[in-house]
């Protein structure tokens, strides 16, 4: 699930609601459909922005999807909880995320604790730094360009000023 969120930049609530039926073939391309969310014990019939988006699957993501185990569950979830239901984000953060992050801090890999939502921020920042325009990143991540600029872009700590 962590690798998946890192590669698509979706909100955790959107990831928790994904089913195998949300992987769609359209012409020659594979897509992931984000059209619902699972938050605070409720399956919402929409995303945070109330928009459905199709995320194009690249080779790296396709490899990940092909290697993921299919666990039979009544909702056909891609990422079911241990009890085969929807993942509770608060429980996931407490039992798994914080434990791993604290271990990384103790090992000197991270300077400070990061929330699991940081995966989304990192995805958006990476795309911008790779040269994707903000409008495309906004469409892929299900945000407005204003939200991208206001909340997601991280400034570089060190950089060289180019010659003009």
N, C-alpha and C. Protein backbone atom coordinates (compact mmCIF):
# COMPACT_ATOMS: atom_id res chain seq x y z
N UNK A 1 0.83 -1.19 0.00
CA UNK A 1 0.00 0.00 0.00
C UNK A 1 0.88 1.25 0.00
N UNK A 2 1.97 1.24 0.76
CA UNK A 2 2.86 2.39 0.81
C UNK A 2 3.49 2.64 -0.56
N UNK A 3 3.98 1.57 -1.19
CA UNK A 3 4.55 1.72 -2.53
C UNK A 3 3.51 2.27 -3.51
N UNK A 4 2.31 1.77 -3.41
CA UNK A 4 1.23 2.19 -4.31
C UNK A 4 0.96 3.68 -4.15
N UNK A 5 0.77 4.14 -2.92
CA UNK A 5 0.49 5.56 -2.68
C UNK A 5 1.66 6.42 -3.16
N UNK A 6 2.87 5.93 -2.96
CA UNK A 6 4.05 6.67 -3.42
C UNK A 6 4.06 6.84 -4.94
N UNK A 7 3.53 5.86 -5.65
CA UNK A 7 3.55 5.89 -7.11
C UNK A 7 2.36 6.61 -7.74
N UNK A 8 1.27 6.78 -6.99
CA UNK A 8 0.10 7.44 -7.57
C UNK A 8 -0.28 8.73 -6.86
N UNK A 9 0.23 8.95 -5.67
CA UNK A 9 -0.04 10.19 -4.96
C UNK A 9 -1.48 10.38 -4.54
N UNK A 10 -2.21 9.30 -4.40
CA UNK A 10 -3.62 9.42 -4.00
C UNK A 10 -3.73 9.72 -2.50
N UNK A 11 -4.88 10.15 -2.11
CA UNK A 11 -5.16 10.33 -0.68
C UNK A 11 -5.30 8.93 -0.07
N UNK A 12 -4.84 8.73 1.16
CA UNK A 12 -5.01 7.40 1.78
C UNK A 12 -6.46 6.93 1.77
N UNK A 13 -7.40 7.84 1.97
CA UNK A 13 -8.82 7.45 1.98
C UNK A 13 -9.26 6.90 0.62
N UNK A 14 -8.68 7.41 -0.46
CA UNK A 14 -8.99 6.90 -1.80
C UNK A 14 -8.37 5.52 -2.00
N UNK A 15 -7.17 5.34 -1.48
CA UNK A 15 -6.49 4.04 -1.59
C UNK A 15 -7.27 2.96 -0.84
N UNK A 16 -7.76 3.30 0.35
CA UNK A 16 -8.49 2.32 1.17
C UNK A 16 -9.78 1.86 0.50
N UNK A 17 -10.34 2.69 -0.37
CA UNK A 17 -11.62 2.35 -1.02
C UNK A 17 -11.44 1.64 -2.36
N UNK A 18 -10.21 1.53 -2.84
CA UNK A 18 -9.98 0.92 -4.16
C UNK A 18 -10.35 -0.56 -4.18
N UNK A 19 -11.01 -0.93 -5.27
CA UNK A 19 -11.31 -2.35 -5.50
C UNK A 19 -10.60 -2.78 -6.79
N UNK A 20 -10.53 -4.07 -6.99
CA UNK A 20 -9.91 -4.59 -8.21
C UNK A 20 -10.70 -4.15 -9.44
N UNK A 21 -11.98 -3.82 -9.26
CA UNK A 21 -12.80 -3.33 -10.37
C UNK A 21 -12.40 -1.92 -10.79
N UNK A 22 -11.61 -1.24 -9.98
CA UNK A 22 -11.18 0.12 -10.29
C UNK A 22 -9.95 0.15 -11.19
N UNK A 23 -9.42 -1.00 -11.52
CA UNK A 23 -8.34 -1.06 -12.50
C UNK A 23 -9.00 -1.31 -13.84
N UNK A 24 -8.88 -0.33 -14.71
CA UNK A 24 -9.62 -0.33 -15.97
C UNK A 24 -8.70 -0.34 -17.18
N UNK A 25 -9.11 -1.08 -18.19
CA UNK A 25 -8.42 -1.08 -19.49
C UNK A 25 -9.20 -0.18 -20.41
N UNK A 26 -8.53 0.80 -21.01
CA UNK A 26 -9.18 1.70 -21.95
C UNK A 26 -8.26 1.81 -23.16
N UNK A 27 -8.74 1.31 -24.29
CA UNK A 27 -7.90 1.18 -25.49
C UNK A 27 -6.67 0.35 -25.14
N UNK A 28 -5.49 0.87 -25.35
CA UNK A 28 -4.27 0.12 -25.07
C UNK A 28 -3.70 0.44 -23.70
N UNK A 29 -4.39 1.21 -22.90
CA UNK A 29 -3.83 1.74 -21.65
C UNK A 29 -4.59 1.21 -20.44
N UNK A 30 -3.84 1.02 -19.36
CA UNK A 30 -4.40 0.61 -18.08
C UNK A 30 -4.52 1.85 -17.20
N UNK A 31 -5.64 1.96 -16.50
CA UNK A 31 -5.90 3.11 -15.63
C UNK A 31 -6.40 2.64 -14.27
N UNK A 32 -6.21 3.50 -13.28
CA UNK A 32 -6.82 3.29 -11.98
C UNK A 32 -7.87 4.38 -11.81
N UNK A 33 -9.08 3.95 -11.49
CA UNK A 33 -10.18 4.89 -11.33
C UNK A 33 -10.31 5.26 -9.85
N UNK A 34 -10.23 6.53 -9.57
CA UNK A 34 -10.48 7.03 -8.22
C UNK A 34 -11.83 7.73 -8.23
N UNK A 35 -12.82 7.13 -7.56
CA UNK A 35 -14.16 7.70 -7.57
C UNK A 35 -14.88 7.57 -6.23
N UNK A 36 -14.14 7.14 -5.20
CA UNK A 36 -14.75 6.97 -3.88
C UNK A 36 -13.64 7.05 -2.83
N UNK A 37 -14.05 7.10 -1.57
CA UNK A 37 -13.08 7.18 -0.48
C UNK A 37 -13.66 6.48 0.75
N UNK A 38 -12.76 5.98 1.58
CA UNK A 38 -13.18 5.38 2.85
C UNK A 38 -12.54 6.19 3.95
N UNK A 39 -13.38 6.85 4.75
CA UNK A 39 -12.87 7.75 5.78
C UNK A 39 -13.75 7.68 7.02
N UNK A 40 -13.09 7.57 8.16
CA UNK A 40 -13.77 7.57 9.46
C UNK A 40 -14.91 6.56 9.52
N UNK A 41 -14.65 5.37 8.97
CA UNK A 41 -15.63 4.29 9.05
C UNK A 41 -16.75 4.35 8.04
N UNK A 42 -16.66 5.27 7.08
CA UNK A 42 -17.74 5.45 6.10
C UNK A 42 -17.17 5.34 4.69
N UNK A 43 -17.83 4.55 3.84
CA UNK A 43 -17.48 4.50 2.43
C UNK A 43 -18.23 5.62 1.73
N UNK A 44 -17.49 6.60 1.26
CA UNK A 44 -18.09 7.73 0.56
C UNK A 44 -18.19 7.43 -0.93
N UNK A 45 -19.30 7.78 -1.57
CA UNK A 45 -19.46 7.47 -2.99
C UNK A 45 -18.75 8.49 -3.90
N UNK A 46 -17.76 9.18 -3.36
CA UNK A 46 -17.04 10.20 -4.12
C UNK A 46 -15.68 10.44 -3.46
N UNK A 47 -14.82 11.11 -4.19
CA UNK A 47 -13.53 11.53 -3.63
C UNK A 47 -13.73 12.84 -2.88
N UNK A 48 -12.68 13.35 -2.29
CA UNK A 48 -12.77 14.60 -1.55
C UNK A 48 -13.27 15.74 -2.42
N UNK A 49 -12.86 15.76 -3.67
CA UNK A 49 -13.26 16.82 -4.59
C UNK A 49 -14.53 16.49 -5.38
N UNK A 50 -15.11 15.32 -5.12
CA UNK A 50 -16.34 14.87 -5.80
C UNK A 50 -16.12 14.63 -7.29
N UNK A 51 -14.88 14.44 -7.70
CA UNK A 51 -14.59 14.20 -9.10
C UNK A 51 -13.97 12.81 -9.27
N UNK A 52 -14.37 12.15 -10.34
CA UNK A 52 -13.75 10.87 -10.70
C UNK A 52 -12.54 11.18 -11.56
N UNK A 53 -11.44 10.49 -11.30
CA UNK A 53 -10.27 10.68 -12.16
C UNK A 53 -9.68 9.33 -12.53
N UNK A 54 -9.12 9.28 -13.72
CA UNK A 54 -8.43 8.09 -14.19
C UNK A 54 -6.94 8.37 -14.14
N UNK A 55 -6.22 7.52 -13.42
CA UNK A 55 -4.78 7.68 -13.29
C UNK A 55 -4.11 6.69 -14.23
N UNK A 56 -3.28 7.18 -15.17
CA UNK A 56 -2.62 6.27 -16.12
C UNK A 56 -1.54 5.44 -15.44
N UNK A 57 -1.56 4.15 -15.70
CA UNK A 57 -0.61 3.22 -15.09
C UNK A 57 0.65 3.15 -15.94
N UNK A 58 1.80 3.43 -15.32
CA UNK A 58 3.07 3.30 -16.03
C UNK A 58 3.65 1.90 -15.78
N UNK A 59 4.82 1.61 -16.35
CA UNK A 59 5.41 0.28 -16.23
C UNK A 59 5.70 -0.08 -14.77
N UNK A 60 6.24 0.87 -14.01
CA UNK A 60 6.58 0.61 -12.61
C UNK A 60 5.33 0.26 -11.80
N UNK A 61 4.27 1.01 -12.01
CA UNK A 61 3.02 0.75 -11.29
C UNK A 61 2.40 -0.57 -11.74
N UNK A 62 2.47 -0.85 -13.04
CA UNK A 62 1.92 -2.11 -13.55
C UNK A 62 2.66 -3.29 -12.93
N UNK A 63 3.98 -3.19 -12.81
CA UNK A 63 4.75 -4.26 -12.18
C UNK A 63 4.31 -4.45 -10.73
N UNK A 64 4.12 -3.35 -10.02
CA UNK A 64 3.66 -3.45 -8.63
C UNK A 64 2.30 -4.13 -8.57
N UNK A 65 1.37 -3.69 -9.39
CA UNK A 65 0.01 -4.27 -9.39
C UNK A 65 0.07 -5.77 -9.70
N UNK A 66 0.90 -6.15 -10.66
CA UNK A 66 1.00 -7.56 -11.04
C UNK A 66 1.63 -8.43 -9.95
N UNK A 67 2.39 -7.84 -9.05
CA UNK A 67 3.03 -8.62 -7.99
C UNK A 67 2.24 -8.61 -6.68
N UNK A 68 1.18 -7.82 -6.63
CA UNK A 68 0.38 -7.74 -5.40
C UNK A 68 -0.49 -8.98 -5.26
N UNK A 69 -0.54 -9.49 -4.07
CA UNK A 69 -1.37 -10.66 -3.79
C UNK A 69 -2.84 -10.24 -3.79
N UNK A 70 -3.66 -11.05 -4.39
CA UNK A 70 -5.10 -10.83 -4.33
C UNK A 70 -5.63 -11.58 -3.13
N UNK A 71 -6.19 -10.84 -2.19
CA UNK A 71 -6.74 -11.44 -0.99
C UNK A 71 -8.26 -11.37 -1.10
N UNK A 72 -8.88 -12.53 -1.11
CA UNK A 72 -10.33 -12.57 -1.26
C UNK A 72 -10.99 -11.87 -0.07
N UNK A 73 -11.91 -10.95 -0.39
CA UNK A 73 -12.67 -10.23 0.65
C UNK A 73 -14.00 -9.80 0.06
N UNK A 74 -14.96 -9.57 0.91
CA UNK A 74 -16.33 -9.33 0.42
C UNK A 74 -16.50 -8.02 -0.37
N UNK A 75 -15.58 -7.07 -0.20
CA UNK A 75 -15.68 -5.81 -0.92
C UNK A 75 -14.77 -5.76 -2.16
N UNK A 76 -14.00 -6.85 -2.39
CA UNK A 76 -13.06 -6.92 -3.51
C UNK A 76 -11.98 -5.84 -3.41
N UNK A 77 -11.61 -5.48 -2.19
CA UNK A 77 -10.63 -4.43 -1.94
C UNK A 77 -9.24 -4.84 -2.40
N UNK A 78 -8.52 -3.89 -2.96
CA UNK A 78 -7.13 -4.13 -3.33
C UNK A 78 -6.27 -4.22 -2.07
N UNK A 79 -6.56 -3.36 -1.10
CA UNK A 79 -5.78 -3.31 0.14
C UNK A 79 -6.71 -3.52 1.35
N UNK A 80 -7.13 -4.76 1.57
CA UNK A 80 -8.01 -5.01 2.73
C UNK A 80 -7.21 -4.97 4.03
N UNK A 81 -7.90 -4.74 5.10
CA UNK A 81 -7.28 -4.78 6.43
C UNK A 81 -7.01 -6.24 6.80
N UNK A 82 -6.38 -6.43 7.94
CA UNK A 82 -6.11 -7.78 8.43
C UNK A 82 -7.42 -8.55 8.61
N UNK A 83 -8.48 -7.84 8.98
CA UNK A 83 -9.78 -8.49 9.17
C UNK A 83 -10.58 -8.57 7.87
N UNK A 84 -9.93 -8.24 6.73
CA UNK A 84 -10.49 -8.31 5.38
C UNK A 84 -11.56 -7.26 5.10
N UNK A 85 -11.60 -6.22 5.91
CA UNK A 85 -12.49 -5.09 5.66
C UNK A 85 -11.70 -3.89 5.20
N UNK A 86 -12.28 -2.71 5.36
CA UNK A 86 -11.60 -1.48 4.99
C UNK A 86 -10.51 -1.14 6.01
N UNK A 87 -9.42 -0.57 5.54
CA UNK A 87 -8.34 -0.15 6.43
C UNK A 87 -8.77 1.11 7.17
N UNK A 88 -8.59 1.11 8.49
CA UNK A 88 -8.82 2.29 9.30
C UNK A 88 -7.51 3.07 9.34
N UNK A 89 -7.50 4.29 8.80
CA UNK A 89 -6.26 5.06 8.68
C UNK A 89 -5.63 5.36 10.03
N UNK A 90 -6.43 5.66 11.04
CA UNK A 90 -5.87 5.96 12.36
C UNK A 90 -5.18 4.74 12.96
N UNK A 91 -5.80 3.59 12.81
CA UNK A 91 -5.20 2.35 13.30
C UNK A 91 -3.93 2.03 12.52
N UNK A 92 -3.97 2.19 11.21
CA UNK A 92 -2.79 1.95 10.38
C UNK A 92 -1.64 2.85 10.82
N UNK A 93 -1.94 4.13 11.02
CA UNK A 93 -0.89 5.07 11.44
C UNK A 93 -0.29 4.67 12.78
N UNK A 94 -1.14 4.32 13.71
CA UNK A 94 -0.68 3.99 15.07
C UNK A 94 0.10 2.67 15.10
N UNK A 95 -0.42 1.64 14.48
CA UNK A 95 0.20 0.30 14.56
C UNK A 95 1.40 0.11 13.64
N UNK A 96 1.37 0.75 12.48
CA UNK A 96 2.39 0.45 11.48
C UNK A 96 3.24 1.67 11.11
N UNK A 97 2.59 2.72 10.65
CA UNK A 97 3.33 3.86 10.12
C UNK A 97 4.25 4.47 11.17
N UNK A 98 3.72 4.81 12.33
CA UNK A 98 4.53 5.47 13.36
C UNK A 98 5.68 4.59 13.84
N UNK A 99 5.46 3.30 13.90
CA UNK A 99 6.50 2.37 14.34
C UNK A 99 7.66 2.36 13.34
N UNK A 100 7.33 2.28 12.05
CA UNK A 100 8.37 2.26 11.02
C UNK A 100 9.10 3.60 10.97
N UNK A 101 8.36 4.69 11.00
CA UNK A 101 8.97 6.02 10.94
C UNK A 101 9.88 6.24 12.16
N UNK A 102 9.44 5.83 13.33
CA UNK A 102 10.28 5.99 14.53
C UNK A 102 11.57 5.19 14.40
N UNK A 103 11.48 4.00 13.82
CA UNK A 103 12.67 3.20 13.57
C UNK A 103 13.64 3.90 12.62
N UNK A 104 13.10 4.55 11.60
CA UNK A 104 13.94 5.30 10.66
C UNK A 104 14.59 6.51 11.34
N UNK A 105 13.87 7.13 12.24
CA UNK A 105 14.44 8.25 13.01
C UNK A 105 15.55 7.73 13.91
N UNK A 106 15.28 6.64 14.60
CA UNK A 106 16.29 6.05 15.50
C UNK A 106 17.55 5.63 14.74
N UNK A 107 17.39 5.19 13.50
CA UNK A 107 18.53 4.77 12.68
C UNK A 107 19.21 5.94 11.97
N UNK A 108 18.68 7.15 12.16
CA UNK A 108 19.28 8.33 11.54
C UNK A 108 18.93 8.53 10.08
N UNK A 109 17.95 7.79 9.57
CA UNK A 109 17.55 7.92 8.18
C UNK A 109 16.64 9.14 7.99
N UNK A 110 15.78 9.39 8.97
CA UNK A 110 14.89 10.56 8.95
C UNK A 110 15.25 11.48 10.11
N UNK A 111 15.06 12.78 9.88
CA UNK A 111 15.32 13.75 10.94
C UNK A 111 14.13 13.92 11.87
N UNK A 112 12.93 13.81 11.32
CA UNK A 112 11.73 14.03 12.12
C UNK A 112 10.61 13.12 11.62
N UNK A 113 9.59 13.01 12.43
CA UNK A 113 8.44 12.17 12.07
C UNK A 113 7.68 12.79 10.91
N UNK A 114 7.24 11.93 10.02
CA UNK A 114 6.43 12.33 8.89
C UNK A 114 5.10 11.59 8.94
N UNK A 115 4.04 12.27 8.53
CA UNK A 115 2.74 11.62 8.46
C UNK A 115 2.67 10.77 7.19
N UNK A 116 1.80 9.79 7.17
CA UNK A 116 1.66 8.97 5.97
C UNK A 116 1.17 9.80 4.79
N UNK A 117 0.49 10.88 5.06
CA UNK A 117 0.02 11.77 4.00
C UNK A 117 1.19 12.42 3.27
N UNK A 118 2.37 12.39 3.89
CA UNK A 118 3.58 12.94 3.27
C UNK A 118 3.90 12.24 1.94
N UNK A 119 3.45 11.01 1.79
CA UNK A 119 3.67 10.30 0.53
C UNK A 119 3.00 11.04 -0.63
N UNK A 120 1.83 11.58 -0.37
CA UNK A 120 1.12 12.36 -1.39
C UNK A 120 1.88 13.64 -1.70
N UNK A 121 2.34 14.33 -0.66
CA UNK A 121 3.11 15.55 -0.85
C UNK A 121 4.38 15.27 -1.65
N UNK A 122 5.06 14.18 -1.32
CA UNK A 122 6.30 13.82 -2.02
C UNK A 122 6.04 13.53 -3.49
N UNK A 123 4.96 12.81 -3.78
CA UNK A 123 4.59 12.49 -5.16
C UNK A 123 4.39 13.78 -5.96
N UNK A 124 3.61 14.69 -5.42
CA UNK A 124 3.31 15.93 -6.13
C UNK A 124 4.58 16.76 -6.33
N UNK A 125 5.39 16.87 -5.29
CA UNK A 125 6.64 17.64 -5.40
C UNK A 125 7.57 17.01 -6.42
N UNK A 126 7.68 15.67 -6.42
CA UNK A 126 8.55 14.97 -7.38
C UNK A 126 8.13 15.27 -8.82
N UNK A 127 6.84 15.20 -9.09
CA UNK A 127 6.37 15.47 -10.46
C UNK A 127 6.70 16.89 -10.90
N UNK A 128 6.49 17.84 -10.02
CA UNK A 128 6.79 19.23 -10.36
C UNK A 128 8.29 19.38 -10.63
N UNK A 129 9.12 18.80 -9.79
CA UNK A 129 10.57 18.91 -9.97
C UNK A 129 11.06 18.16 -11.21
N UNK A 130 10.31 17.16 -11.65
CA UNK A 130 10.66 16.44 -12.88
C UNK A 130 10.21 17.20 -14.13
N UNK A 131 9.52 18.32 -13.93
CA UNK A 131 9.16 19.16 -15.06
C UNK A 131 7.72 19.08 -15.52
N UNK A 132 6.88 18.32 -14.81
CA UNK A 132 5.46 18.28 -15.18
C UNK A 132 4.83 19.63 -14.84
N UNK A 133 3.94 20.08 -15.69
CA UNK A 133 3.27 21.35 -15.42
C UNK A 133 2.25 21.16 -14.29
N UNK A 134 1.98 22.23 -13.59
CA UNK A 134 1.12 22.17 -12.40
C UNK A 134 -0.29 21.73 -12.76
N UNK A 135 -0.80 22.12 -13.91
CA UNK A 135 -2.16 21.71 -14.30
C UNK A 135 -2.27 20.20 -14.44
N UNK A 136 -1.26 19.57 -15.04
CA UNK A 136 -1.26 18.12 -15.20
C UNK A 136 -1.15 17.43 -13.84
N UNK A 137 -0.28 17.93 -12.99
CA UNK A 137 -0.12 17.36 -11.65
C UNK A 137 -1.42 17.50 -10.86
N UNK A 138 -2.07 18.63 -11.00
CA UNK A 138 -3.35 18.84 -10.32
C UNK A 138 -4.39 17.83 -10.79
N UNK A 139 -4.45 17.60 -12.10
CA UNK A 139 -5.41 16.63 -12.64
C UNK A 139 -5.11 15.22 -12.15
N UNK A 140 -3.83 14.84 -12.19
CA UNK A 140 -3.44 13.49 -11.74
C UNK A 140 -3.74 13.25 -10.27
N UNK A 141 -3.55 14.28 -9.45
CA UNK A 141 -3.70 14.12 -8.00
C UNK A 141 -5.08 14.48 -7.49
N UNK A 142 -5.94 15.01 -8.36
CA UNK A 142 -7.29 15.35 -7.92
C UNK A 142 -7.32 16.61 -7.08
N UNK A 143 -6.57 17.61 -7.51
CA UNK A 143 -6.49 18.88 -6.81
C UNK A 143 -6.63 20.03 -7.79
N UNK A 144 -6.74 21.22 -7.26
CA UNK A 144 -6.69 22.41 -8.10
C UNK A 144 -5.25 22.90 -8.14
N UNK A 145 -4.94 23.69 -9.14
CA UNK A 145 -3.58 24.25 -9.22
C UNK A 145 -3.31 25.15 -8.01
N UNK A 146 -4.32 25.82 -7.53
CA UNK A 146 -4.16 26.70 -6.37
C UNK A 146 -3.77 25.89 -5.13
N UNK A 147 -4.43 24.74 -4.94
CA UNK A 147 -4.10 23.88 -3.78
C UNK A 147 -2.68 23.33 -3.89
N UNK A 148 -2.27 22.97 -5.10
CA UNK A 148 -0.91 22.47 -5.31
C UNK A 148 0.09 23.53 -4.86
N UNK A 149 -0.09 24.75 -5.34
CA UNK A 149 0.85 25.82 -5.01
C UNK A 149 0.81 26.18 -3.53
N UNK A 150 -0.35 26.17 -2.95
CA UNK A 150 -0.50 26.61 -1.56
C UNK A 150 -0.05 25.57 -0.54
N UNK A 151 -0.32 24.28 -0.80
CA UNK A 151 -0.11 23.27 0.24
C UNK A 151 0.90 22.18 -0.06
N UNK A 152 1.24 21.97 -1.31
CA UNK A 152 2.02 20.78 -1.64
C UNK A 152 3.46 21.03 -2.08
N UNK A 153 3.72 22.12 -2.72
CA UNK A 153 5.07 22.33 -3.24
C UNK A 153 6.05 22.62 -2.12
N UNK A 154 7.11 21.87 -2.08
CA UNK A 154 8.17 22.09 -1.10
C UNK A 154 9.32 22.81 -1.79
N UNK A 155 9.84 23.82 -1.14
CA UNK A 155 10.96 24.52 -1.75
C UNK A 155 12.23 23.68 -1.57
N UNK A 156 13.16 23.87 -2.49
CA UNK A 156 14.43 23.15 -2.41
C UNK A 156 15.28 23.80 -1.33
N UNK A 157 15.96 22.96 -0.55
CA UNK A 157 16.84 23.46 0.49
C UNK A 157 18.08 24.12 -0.12
N UNK A 158 18.65 23.46 -1.12
CA UNK A 158 19.83 23.98 -1.78
C UNK A 158 19.63 23.97 -3.28
N UNK A 159 20.06 25.03 -3.91
CA UNK A 159 19.94 25.09 -5.36
C UNK A 159 20.94 26.09 -5.90
N UNK A 160 21.20 25.98 -7.18
CA UNK A 160 22.08 26.90 -7.89
C UNK A 160 21.22 27.86 -8.69
N UNK A 161 21.51 29.13 -8.60
CA UNK A 161 20.81 30.11 -9.40
C UNK A 161 21.39 30.04 -10.82
N UNK A 162 20.54 29.83 -11.81
CA UNK A 162 21.06 29.69 -13.18
C UNK A 162 21.57 31.02 -13.73
N UNK A 163 22.51 30.92 -14.65
CA UNK A 163 22.99 32.11 -15.36
C UNK A 163 21.89 32.54 -16.30
N UNK A 164 21.65 33.82 -16.40
CA UNK A 164 20.61 34.33 -17.29
C UNK A 164 21.22 35.01 -18.49
